[in-house]
PDB file of N, CA and C in Angstrom:
ATOM      1  N   MET A   1       0.815  -1.188   0.000  1.00  0.00           N
ATOM      2  CA  MET A   1       0.000   0.000   0.000  1.00  0.00           C
ATOM      3  C   MET A   1       0.862   1.256   0.000  1.00  0.00           C
ATOM      4  N   ALA A   2       1.945   1.254   0.763  1.00  0.00           N
ATOM      5  CA  ALA A   2       2.803   2.435   0.813  1.00  0.00           C
ATOM      6  C   ALA A   2       3.406   2.726  -0.552  1.00  0.00           C
ATOM      7  N   ALA A   3       3.775   1.699  -1.295  1.00  0.00           N
ATOM      8  CA  ALA A   3       4.340   1.904  -2.629  1.00  0.00           C
ATOM      9  C   ALA A   3       3.298   2.500  -3.559  1.00  0.00           C
ATOM     10  N   GLU A   4       2.066   2.028  -3.492  1.00  0.00           N
ATOM     11  CA  GLU A   4       0.988   2.564  -4.324  1.00  0.00           C
ATOM     12  C   GLU A   4       0.738   4.035  -3.984  1.00  0.00           C
ATOM     13  N   MET A   5       0.697   4.356  -2.708  1.00  0.00           N
ATOM     14  CA  MET A   5       0.480   5.746  -2.306  1.00  0.00           C
ATOM     15  C   MET A   5       1.646   6.607  -2.765  1.00  0.00           C
ATOM     16  N   HIS A   6       2.850   6.099  -2.654  1.00  0.00           N
ATOM     17  CA  HIS A   6       4.038   6.830  -3.063  1.00  0.00           C
ATOM     18  C   HIS A   6       4.009   7.098  -4.573  1.00  0.00           C
ATOM     19  N   ASP A   7       3.485   6.143  -5.358  1.00  0.00           N
ATOM     20  CA  ASP A   7       3.379   6.321  -6.808  1.00  0.00           C
ATOM     21  C   ASP A   7       2.573   7.557  -7.173  1.00  0.00           C
ATOM     22  N   ARG A   8       1.548   7.848  -6.413  1.00  0.00           N
ATOM     23  CA  ARG A   8       0.628   8.919  -6.757  1.00  0.00           C
ATOM     24  C   ARG A   8       0.764  10.153  -5.884  1.00  0.00           C
ATOM     25  N   ALA A   9       1.754  10.191  -5.028  1.00  0.00           N
ATOM     26  CA  ALA A   9       1.937  11.313  -4.109  1.00  0.00           C
ATOM     27  C   ALA A   9       2.454  12.545  -4.838  1.00  0.00           C
ATOM     28  N   GLU A  10       2.080  13.681  -4.323  1.00  0.00           N
ATOM     29  CA  GLU A  10       2.549  14.953  -4.860  1.00  0.00           C
ATOM     30  C   GLU A  10       3.997  15.229  -4.443  1.00  0.00           C
ATOM     31  N   GLY A  11       4.396  14.709  -3.296  1.00  0.00           N
ATOM     32  CA  GLY A  11       5.746  14.927  -2.798  1.00  0.00           C
ATOM     33  C   GLY A  11       6.289  13.656  -2.188  1.00  0.00           C
ATOM     34  N   GLU A  12       7.371  13.796  -1.465  1.00  0.00           N
ATOM     35  CA  GLU A  12       8.001  12.624  -0.859  1.00  0.00           C
ATOM     36  C   GLU A  12       7.290  12.163   0.402  1.00  0.00           C
ATOM     37  N   ALA A  13       6.757  13.082   1.181  1.00  0.00           N
ATOM     38  CA  ALA A  13       6.095  12.720   2.433  1.00  0.00           C
ATOM     39  C   ALA A  13       4.627  12.384   2.162  1.00  0.00           C
ATOM     40  N   LEU A  14       4.160  11.302   2.763  1.00  0.00           N
ATOM     41  CA  LEU A  14       2.761  10.891   2.630  1.00  0.00           C
ATOM     42  C   LEU A  14       2.027  11.324   3.896  1.00  0.00           C
ATOM     43  N   PRO A  15       1.068  12.228   3.771  1.00  0.00           N
ATOM     44  CA  PRO A  15       0.428  12.805   4.964  1.00  0.00           C
ATOM     45  C   PRO A  15      -0.746  11.966   5.483  1.00  0.00           C
ATOM     46  N   TYR A  16      -0.476  10.752   5.950  1.00  0.00           N
ATOM     47  CA  TYR A  16      -1.544   9.860   6.395  1.00  0.00           C
ATOM     48  C   TYR A  16      -1.311   9.412   7.824  1.00  0.00           C
ATOM     49  N   THR A  17      -2.362   9.415   8.606  1.00  0.00           N
ATOM     50  CA  THR A  17      -2.290   8.903   9.969  1.00  0.00           C
ATOM     51  C   THR A  17      -2.601   7.408   9.951  1.00  0.00           C
ATOM     52  N   HIS A  18      -2.236   6.730  11.004  1.00  0.00           N
ATOM     53  CA  HIS A  18      -2.556   5.306  11.132  1.00  0.00           C
ATOM     54  C   HIS A  18      -4.072   5.113  11.162  1.00  0.00           C
ATOM     55  N   GLU A  19      -4.768   6.057  11.762  1.00  0.00           N
ATOM     56  CA  GLU A  19      -6.235   5.983  11.824  1.00  0.00           C
ATOM     57  C   GLU A  19      -6.831   6.026  10.417  1.00  0.00           C
ATOM     58  N   PHE A  20      -6.365   6.958   9.599  1.00  0.00           N
ATOM     59  CA  PHE A  20      -6.851   7.066   8.218  1.00  0.00           C
ATOM     60  C   PHE A  20      -6.542   5.791   7.438  1.00  0.00           C
ATOM     61  N   LEU A  21      -5.321   5.293   7.565  1.00  0.00           N
ATOM     62  CA  LEU A  21      -4.930   4.078   6.851  1.00  0.00           C
ATOM     63  C   LEU A  21      -5.763   2.877   7.301  1.00  0.00           C
ATOM     64  N   SER A  22      -6.075   2.803   8.583  1.00  0.00           N
ATOM     65  CA  SER A  22      -6.879   1.684   9.064  1.00  0.00           C
ATOM     66  C   SER A  22      -8.268   1.710   8.435  1.00  0.00           C
ATOM     67  N   HIS A  23      -8.823   2.889   8.245  1.00  0.00           N
ATOM     68  CA  HIS A  23     -10.132   2.996   7.582  1.00  0.00           C
ATOM     69  C   HIS A  23     -10.028   2.605   6.113  1.00  0.00           C
ATOM     70  N   MET A  24      -8.987   3.062   5.442  1.00  0.00           N
ATOM     71  CA  MET A  24      -8.800   2.726   4.016  1.00  0.00           C
ATOM     72  C   MET A  24      -8.631   1.228   3.809  1.00  0.00           C
ATOM     73  N   LEU A  25      -7.908   0.588   4.713  1.00  0.00           N
ATOM     74  CA  LEU A  25      -7.594  -0.827   4.568  1.00  0.00           C
ATOM     75  C   LEU A  25      -8.637  -1.754   5.190  1.00  0.00           C
ATOM     76  N   GLY A  26      -9.538  -1.183   5.975  1.00  0.00           N
ATOM     77  CA  GLY A  26     -10.511  -2.017   6.668  1.00  0.00           C
ATOM     78  C   GLY A  26      -9.861  -2.868   7.742  1.00  0.00           C
ATOM     79  N   ALA A  27      -8.803  -2.329   8.338  1.00  0.00           N
ATOM     80  CA  ALA A  27      -8.067  -3.047   9.379  1.00  0.00           C
ATOM     81  C   ALA A  27      -8.120  -2.212  10.653  1.00  0.00           C
ATOM     82  N   ASN A  28      -7.824  -2.839  11.780  1.00  0.00           N
ATOM     83  CA  ASN A  28      -7.797  -2.037  13.000  1.00  0.00           C
ATOM     84  C   ASN A  28      -6.496  -1.239  13.069  1.00  0.00           C
ATOM     85  N   ARG A  29      -6.545  -0.167  13.835  1.00  0.00           N
ATOM     86  CA  ARG A  29      -5.412   0.753  13.920  1.00  0.00           C
ATOM     87  C   ARG A  29      -4.156   0.065  14.446  1.00  0.00           C
ATOM     88  N   LYS A  30      -4.315  -0.838  15.389  1.00  0.00           N
ATOM     89  CA  LYS A  30      -3.171  -1.548  15.963  1.00  0.00           C
ATOM     90  C   LYS A  30      -2.421  -2.335  14.884  1.00  0.00           C
ATOM     91  N   SER A  31      -3.144  -2.960  13.960  1.00  0.00           N
ATOM     92  CA  SER A  31      -2.512  -3.713  12.868  1.00  0.00           C
ATOM     93  C   SER A  31      -1.700  -2.786  11.965  1.00  0.00           C
ATOM     94  N   VAL A  32      -2.256  -1.611  11.683  1.00  0.00           N
ATOM     95  CA  VAL A  32      -1.536  -0.636  10.854  1.00  0.00           C
ATOM     96  C   VAL A  32      -0.272  -0.179  11.573  1.00  0.00           C
ATOM     97  N   THR A  33      -0.383   0.076  12.864  1.00  0.00           N
ATOM     98  CA  THR A  33       0.779   0.495  13.651  1.00  0.00           C
ATOM     99  C   THR A  33       1.855  -0.581  13.646  1.00  0.00           C
ATOM    100  N   LEU A  34       1.465  -1.833  13.849  1.00  0.00           N
ATOM    101  CA  LEU A  34       2.439  -2.931  13.839  1.00  0.00           C
ATOM    102  C   LEU A  34       3.105  -3.081  12.468  1.00  0.00           C
ATOM    103  N   ALA A  35       2.332  -2.959  11.400  1.00  0.00           N
ATOM    104  CA  ALA A  35       2.894  -3.050  10.050  1.00  0.00           C
ATOM    105  C   ALA A  35       3.867  -1.896   9.791  1.00  0.00           C
ATOM    106  N   ALA A  36       3.493  -0.683  10.209  1.00  0.00           N
ATOM    107  CA  ALA A  36       4.365   0.477  10.028  1.00  0.00           C
ATOM    108  C   ALA A  36       5.654   0.319  10.831  1.00  0.00           C
ATOM    109  N   GLN A  37       5.539  -0.182  12.035  1.00  0.00           N
ATOM    110  CA  GLN A  37       6.733  -0.418  12.856  1.00  0.00           C
ATOM    111  C   GLN A  37       7.648  -1.434  12.189  1.00  0.00           C
ATOM    112  N   SER A  38       7.063  -2.472  11.630  1.00  0.00           N
ATOM    113  CA  SER A  38       7.841  -3.503  10.950  1.00  0.00           C
ATOM    114  C   SER A  38       8.567  -2.925   9.733  1.00  0.00           C
ATOM    115  N   LEU A  39       7.864  -2.117   8.952  1.00  0.00           N
ATOM    116  CA  LEU A  39       8.478  -1.493   7.769  1.00  0.00           C
ATOM    117  C   LEU A  39       9.569  -0.505   8.169  1.00  0.00           C
ATOM    118  N   GLN A  40       9.345   0.201   9.267  1.00  0.00           N
ATOM    119  CA  GLN A  40      10.358   1.155   9.740  1.00  0.00           C
ATOM    120  C   GLN A  40      11.580   0.410  10.276  1.00  0.00           C
ATOM    121  N   THR A  41      11.376  -0.648  11.030  1.00  0.00           N
ATOM    122  CA  THR A  41      12.484  -1.442  11.566  1.00  0.00           C
ATOM    123  C   THR A  41      13.318  -2.031  10.425  1.00  0.00           C
ATOM    124  N   ALA A  42      12.657  -2.402   9.335  1.00  0.00           N
ATOM    125  CA  ALA A  42      13.356  -2.963   8.162  1.00  0.00           C
ATOM    126  C   ALA A  42      14.062  -1.876   7.350  1.00  0.00           C
ATOM    127  N   GLY A  43      13.868  -0.603   7.725  1.00  0.00           N
ATOM    128  CA  GLY A  43      14.529   0.493   7.022  1.00  0.00           C
ATOM    129  C   GLY A  43      13.860   0.871   5.716  1.00  0.00           C
ATOM    130  N   LEU A  44      12.604   0.491   5.550  1.00  0.00           N
ATOM    131  CA  LEU A  44      11.895   0.767   4.304  1.00  0.00           C
ATOM    132  C   LEU A  44      11.148   2.094   4.334  1.00  0.00           C
ATOM    133  N   ILE A  45      10.637   2.458   5.502  1.00  0.00           N
ATOM    134  CA  ILE A  45       9.937   3.734   5.677  1.00  0.00           C
ATOM    135  C   ILE A  45      10.399   4.378   6.970  1.00  0.00           C
ATOM    136  N   SER A  46      10.086   5.640   7.109  1.00  0.00           N
ATOM    137  CA  SER A  46      10.186   6.300   8.407  1.00  0.00           C
ATOM    138  C   SER A  46       8.853   6.988   8.610  1.00  0.00           C
ATOM    139  N   TYR A  47       8.428   7.083   9.833  1.00  0.00           N
ATOM    140  CA  TYR A  47       7.175   7.769  10.062  1.00  0.00           C
ATOM    141  C   TYR A  47       7.171   8.484  11.386  1.00  0.00           C
ATOM    142  N   GLN A  48       6.430   9.569  11.377  1.00  0.00           N
ATOM    143  CA  GLN A  48       6.099  10.332  12.564  1.00  0.00           C
ATOM    144  C   GLN A  48       4.603  10.550  12.460  1.00  0.00           C
ATOM    145  N   ARG A  49       4.001  11.004  13.481  1.00  0.00           N
ATOM    146  CA  ARG A  49       2.546  11.191  13.472  1.00  0.00           C
ATOM    147  C   ARG A  49       2.084  11.957  12.226  1.00  0.00           C
ATOM    148  N   GLY A  50       1.286  11.287  11.421  1.00  0.00           N
ATOM    149  CA  GLY A  50       0.692  11.925  10.255  1.00  0.00           C
ATOM    150  C   GLY A  50       1.614  12.103   9.073  1.00  0.00           C
ATOM    151  N   LYS A  51       2.821  11.544   9.110  1.00  0.00           N
ATOM    152  CA  LYS A  51       3.743  11.692   7.986  1.00  0.00           C
ATOM    153  C   LYS A  51       4.545  10.416   7.805  1.00  0.00           C
ATOM    154  N   ILE A  52       4.431   9.839   6.612  1.00  0.00           N
ATOM    155  CA  ILE A  52       5.187   8.634   6.266  1.00  0.00           C
ATOM    156  C   ILE A  52       6.133   9.003   5.134  1.00  0.00           C
ATOM    157  N   ARG A  53       7.375   8.577   5.229  1.00  0.00           N
ATOM    158  CA  ARG A  53       8.361   8.849   4.180  1.00  0.00           C
ATOM    159  C   ARG A  53       8.964   7.518   3.739  1.00  0.00           C
ATOM    160  N   VAL A  54       8.948   7.295   2.429  1.00  0.00           N
ATOM    161  CA  VAL A  54       9.553   6.082   1.884  1.00  0.00           C
ATOM    162  C   VAL A  54      11.058   6.286   1.860  1.00  0.00           C
ATOM    163  N   VAL A  55      11.804   5.402   2.515  1.00  0.00           N
ATOM    164  CA  VAL A  55      13.256   5.494   2.618  1.00  0.00           C
ATOM    165  C   VAL A  55      13.923   4.611   1.565  1.00  0.00           C
ATOM    166  N   ASP A  56      13.385   3.432   1.377  1.00  0.00           N
ATOM    167  CA  ASP A  56      13.971   2.462   0.444  1.00  0.00           C
ATOM    168  C   ASP A  56      12.867   1.940  -0.479  1.00  0.00           C
ATOM    169  N   ARG A  57      12.666   2.652  -1.599  1.00  0.00           N
ATOM    170  CA  ARG A  57      11.576   2.308  -2.511  1.00  0.00           C
ATOM    171  C   ARG A  57      11.754   0.903  -3.104  1.00  0.00           C
ATOM    172  N   ALA A  58      12.940   0.582  -3.555  1.00  0.00           N
ATOM    173  CA  ALA A  58      13.190  -0.740  -4.144  1.00  0.00           C
ATOM    174  C   ALA A  58      12.941  -1.835  -3.114  1.00  0.00           C
ATOM    175  N   GLY A  59      13.388  -1.618  -1.893  1.00  0.00           N
ATOM    176  CA  GLY A  59      13.177  -2.597  -0.829  1.00  0.00           C
ATOM    177  C   GLY A  59      11.704  -2.747  -0.484  1.00  0.00           C
ATOM    178  N   LEU A  60      10.972  -1.639  -0.512  1.00  0.00           N
ATOM    179  CA  LEU A  60       9.544  -1.678  -0.230  1.00  0.00           C
ATOM    180  C   LEU A  60       8.806  -2.487  -1.293  1.00  0.00           C
ATOM    181  N   GLU A  61       9.157  -2.278  -2.551  1.00  0.00           N
ATOM    182  CA  GLU A  61       8.548  -3.050  -3.629  1.00  0.00           C
ATOM    183  C   GLU A  61       8.885  -4.530  -3.498  1.00  0.00           C
ATOM    184  N   GLN A  62      10.119  -4.817  -3.140  1.00  0.00           N
ATOM    185  CA  GLN A  62      10.557  -6.203  -2.991  1.00  0.00           C
ATOM    186  C   GLN A  62       9.835  -6.885  -1.824  1.00  0.00           C
ATOM    187  N   ALA A  63       9.555  -6.126  -0.772  1.00  0.00           N
ATOM    188  CA  ALA A  63       8.873  -6.680   0.402  1.00  0.00           C
ATOM    189  C   ALA A  63       7.379  -6.884   0.161  1.00  0.00           C
ATOM    190  N   SER A  64       6.829  -6.200  -0.826  1.00  0.00           N
ATOM    191  CA  SER A  64       5.394  -6.347  -1.102  1.00  0.00           C
ATOM    192  C   SER A  64       5.152  -7.627  -1.893  1.00  0.00           C
ATOM    193  N   CYS A  65       3.914  -8.040  -1.912  1.00  0.00           N
ATOM    194  CA  CYS A  65       3.593  -9.252  -2.666  1.00  0.00           C
ATOM    195  C   CYS A  65       3.667  -8.963  -4.164  1.00  0.00           C
ATOM    196  N   GLU A  66       3.629 -10.026  -4.946  1.00  0.00           N
ATOM    197  CA  GLU A  66       3.718  -9.866  -6.404  1.00  0.00           C
ATOM    198  C   GLU A  66       2.532  -9.102  -6.968  1.00  0.00           C
ATOM    199  N   CYS A  67       1.491  -8.937  -6.172  1.00  0.00           N
ATOM    200  CA  CYS A  67       0.309  -8.235  -6.674  1.00  0.00           C
ATOM    201  C   CYS A  67       0.592  -6.750  -6.898  1.00  0.00           C
ATOM    202  N   TYR A  68       1.611  -6.172  -6.240  1.00  0.00           N
ATOM    203  CA  TYR A  68       1.912  -4.747  -6.450  1.00  0.00           C
ATOM    204  C   TYR A  68       2.165  -4.467  -7.921  1.00  0.00           C
ATOM    205  N   ALA A  69       2.989  -5.273  -8.572  1.00  0.00           N
ATOM    206  CA  ALA A  69       3.309  -5.047  -9.988  1.00  0.00           C
ATOM    207  C   ALA A  69       2.064  -5.177 -10.858  1.00  0.00           C
ATOM    208  N   ILE A  70       1.212  -6.122 -10.527  1.00  0.00           N
ATOM    209  CA  ILE A  70      -0.015  -6.319 -11.305  1.00  0.00           C
ATOM    210  C   ILE A  70      -0.957  -5.132 -11.128  1.00  0.00           C
ATOM    211  N   VAL A  71      -1.151  -4.703  -9.887  1.00  0.00           N
ATOM    212  CA  VAL A  71      -2.030  -3.568  -9.613  1.00  0.00           C
ATOM    213  C   VAL A  71      -1.481  -2.310 -10.266  1.00  0.00           C
ATOM    214  N   LYS A  72      -0.175  -2.083 -10.175  1.00  0.00           N
ATOM    215  CA  LYS A  72       0.433  -0.904 -10.783  1.00  0.00           C
ATOM    216  C   LYS A  72       0.229  -0.904 -12.292  1.00  0.00           C
ATOM    217  N   GLU A  73       0.461  -2.038 -12.923  1.00  0.00           N
ATOM    218  CA  GLU A  73       0.291  -2.137 -14.378  1.00  0.00           C
ATOM    219  C   GLU A  73      -1.153  -1.835 -14.783  1.00  0.00           C
ATOM    220  N   ARG A  74      -2.101  -2.409 -14.066  1.00  0.00           N
ATOM    221  CA  ARG A  74      -3.514  -2.193 -14.395  1.00  0.00           C
ATOM    222  C   ARG A  74      -3.934  -0.753 -14.145  1.00  0.00           C
ATOM    223  N   PHE A  75      -3.478  -0.175 -13.032  1.00  0.00           N
ATOM    224  CA  PHE A  75      -3.849   1.196 -12.711  1.00  0.00           C
ATOM    225  C   PHE A  75      -3.244   2.167 -13.720  1.00  0.00           C
ATOM    226  N   ASP A  76      -1.983   1.943 -14.107  1.00  0.00           N
ATOM    227  CA  ASP A  76      -1.353   2.791 -15.115  1.00  0.00           C
ATOM    228  C   ASP A  76      -2.105   2.703 -16.441  1.00  0.00           C
ATOM    229  N   ALA A  77      -2.545   1.500 -16.804  1.00  0.00           N
ATOM    230  CA  ALA A  77      -3.317   1.322 -18.036  1.00  0.00           C
ATOM    231  C   ALA A  77      -4.649   2.060 -17.937  1.00  0.00           C
ATOM    232  N   PHE A  78      -5.258   2.020 -16.763  1.00  0.00           N
ATOM    233  CA  PHE A  78      -6.518   2.717 -16.541  1.00  0.00           C
ATOM    234  C   PHE A  78      -6.352   4.224 -16.706  1.00  0.00           C
ATOM    235  N   LEU A  79      -5.218   4.757 -16.255  1.00  0.00           N
ATOM    236  CA  LEU A  79      -4.976   6.199 -16.331  1.00  0.00           C
ATOM    237  C   LEU A  79      -4.509   6.674 -17.703  1.00  0.00           C
ATOM    238  N   THR A  80      -4.138   5.747 -18.584  1.00  0.00           N
ATOM    239  CA  THR A  80      -3.684   6.109 -19.925  1.00  0.00           C
ATOM    240  C   THR A  80      -4.896   6.271 -20.831  1.00  0.00           C
ATOM    241  N   PRO A  81      -5.056   7.467 -21.433  1.00  0.00           N
ATOM    242  CA  PRO A  81      -6.221   7.662 -22.300  1.00  0.00           C
ATOM    243  C   PRO A  81      -6.141   6.758 -23.530  1.00  0.00           C
ATOM    244  N   PRO A  82      -7.287   6.302 -24.032  1.00  0.00           N
ATOM    245  CA  PRO A  82      -7.266   5.470 -25.238  1.00  0.00           C
ATOM    246  C   PRO A  82      -6.737   6.263 -26.427  1.00  0.00           C
ATOM    247  N   SER A  83      -6.212   5.565 -27.411  1.00  0.00           N
ATOM    248  CA  SER A  83      -5.627   6.238 -28.578  1.00  0.00           C
ATOM    249  C   SER A  83      -6.667   7.047 -29.344  1.00  0.00           C
ATOM    250  N   THR A  84      -7.945   6.741 -29.164  1.00  0.00           N
ATOM    251  CA  THR A  84      -9.004   7.470 -29.860  1.00  0.00           C
ATOM    252  C   THR A  84      -9.415   8.745 -29.131  1.00  0.00           C
ATOM    253  N   ALA A  85      -8.870   8.974 -27.937  1.00  0.00           N
ATOM    254  CA  ALA A  85      -9.224  10.163 -27.161  1.00  0.00           C
ATOM    255  C   ALA A  85      -8.624  11.408 -27.797  1.00  0.00           C
ATOM    256  N   VAL A  86      -9.345  12.513 -27.687  1.00  0.00           N
ATOM    257  CA  VAL A  86      -8.857  13.793 -28.197  1.00  0.00           C
ATOM    258  C   VAL A  86      -7.718  14.251 -27.302  1.00  0.00           C
ATOM    259  N   GLN A  87      -6.581  14.554 -27.898  1.00  0.00           N
ATOM    260  CA  GLN A  87      -5.405  14.991 -27.151  1.00  0.00           C
ATOM    261  C   GLN A  87      -5.127  16.455 -27.465  1.00  0.00           C
ATOM    262  N   GLY A  88      -4.510  17.134 -26.537  1.00  0.00           N
ATOM    263  CA  GLY A  88      -4.039  18.493 -26.792  1.00  0.00           C
ATOM    264  C   GLY A  88      -5.144  19.535 -26.744  1.00  0.00           C
ATOM    265  N   ASP A  89      -4.970  20.574 -27.538  1.00  0.00           N
ATOM    266  CA  ASP A  89      -5.840  21.746 -27.540  1.00  0.00           C
ATOM    267  C   ASP A  89      -7.186  21.423 -28.188  1.00  0.00           C
ATOM    268  N   THR A  90      -8.239  21.659 -27.460  1.00  0.00           N
ATOM    269  CA  THR A  90      -9.586  21.440 -27.999  1.00  0.00           C
ATOM    270  C   THR A  90     -10.302  22.766 -28.193  1.00  0.00           C
ATOM    271  N   LYS A  91      -9.574  23.865 -28.206  1.00  0.00           N
ATOM    272  CA  LYS A  91     -10.118  25.200 -28.367  1.00  0.00           C
ATOM    273  C   LYS A  91     -10.849  25.292 -29.704  1.00  0.00           C
ATOM    274  N   GLY A  92     -12.008  25.864 -29.664  1.00  0.00           N
ATOM    275  CA  GLY A  92     -12.767  26.044 -30.894  1.00  0.00           C
ATOM    276  C   GLY A  92     -13.677  24.867 -31.221  1.00  0.00           C
ATOM    277  N   ARG A  93     -13.586  23.798 -30.469  1.00  0.00           N
ATOM    278  CA  ARG A  93     -14.476  22.648 -30.706  1.00  0.00           C
ATOM    279  C   ARG A  93     -15.828  22.927 -30.077  1.00  0.00           C
ATOM    280  N   ARG A  94     -16.852  22.507 -30.764  1.00  0.00           N
ATOM    281  CA  ARG A  94     -18.204  22.682 -30.234  1.00  0.00           C
ATOM    282  C   ARG A  94     -18.581  21.463 -29.398  1.00  0.00           C
ATOM    283  N   GLU A  95     -19.289  21.746 -28.326  1.00  0.00           N
ATOM    284  CA  GLU A  95     -19.784  20.650 -27.498  1.00  0.00           C
ATOM    285  C   GLU A  95     -21.089  20.163 -28.087  1.00  0.00           C
ATOM    286  N   SER A  96     -21.332  18.858 -28.028  1.00  0.00           N
ATOM    287  CA  SER A  96     -22.582  18.338 -28.567  1.00  0.00           C
ATOM    288  C   SER A  96     -23.608  18.137 -27.509  1.00  0.00           C
TER     289      SER A  96
END
């Protein structure tokens, strides 16, 4: 999950609390805290209240299950406009 969030983050720091993450994941807060502690102990992330920073991106990807690559590929494909989509300047086009 941290790698996915990092993919779409505006900056390096991820502004998420354990409480917010527990709601997103449908897990209890204690489980999120234990997972974050484990990732921090492994040197993959660092966190302080409300701020998570990815320290070792390659290591984080390696520690995640193989589904990360599949989800990333599918999500990237979803975000790529189809070749038939209008690209660039649409100025002067009439709306139907």
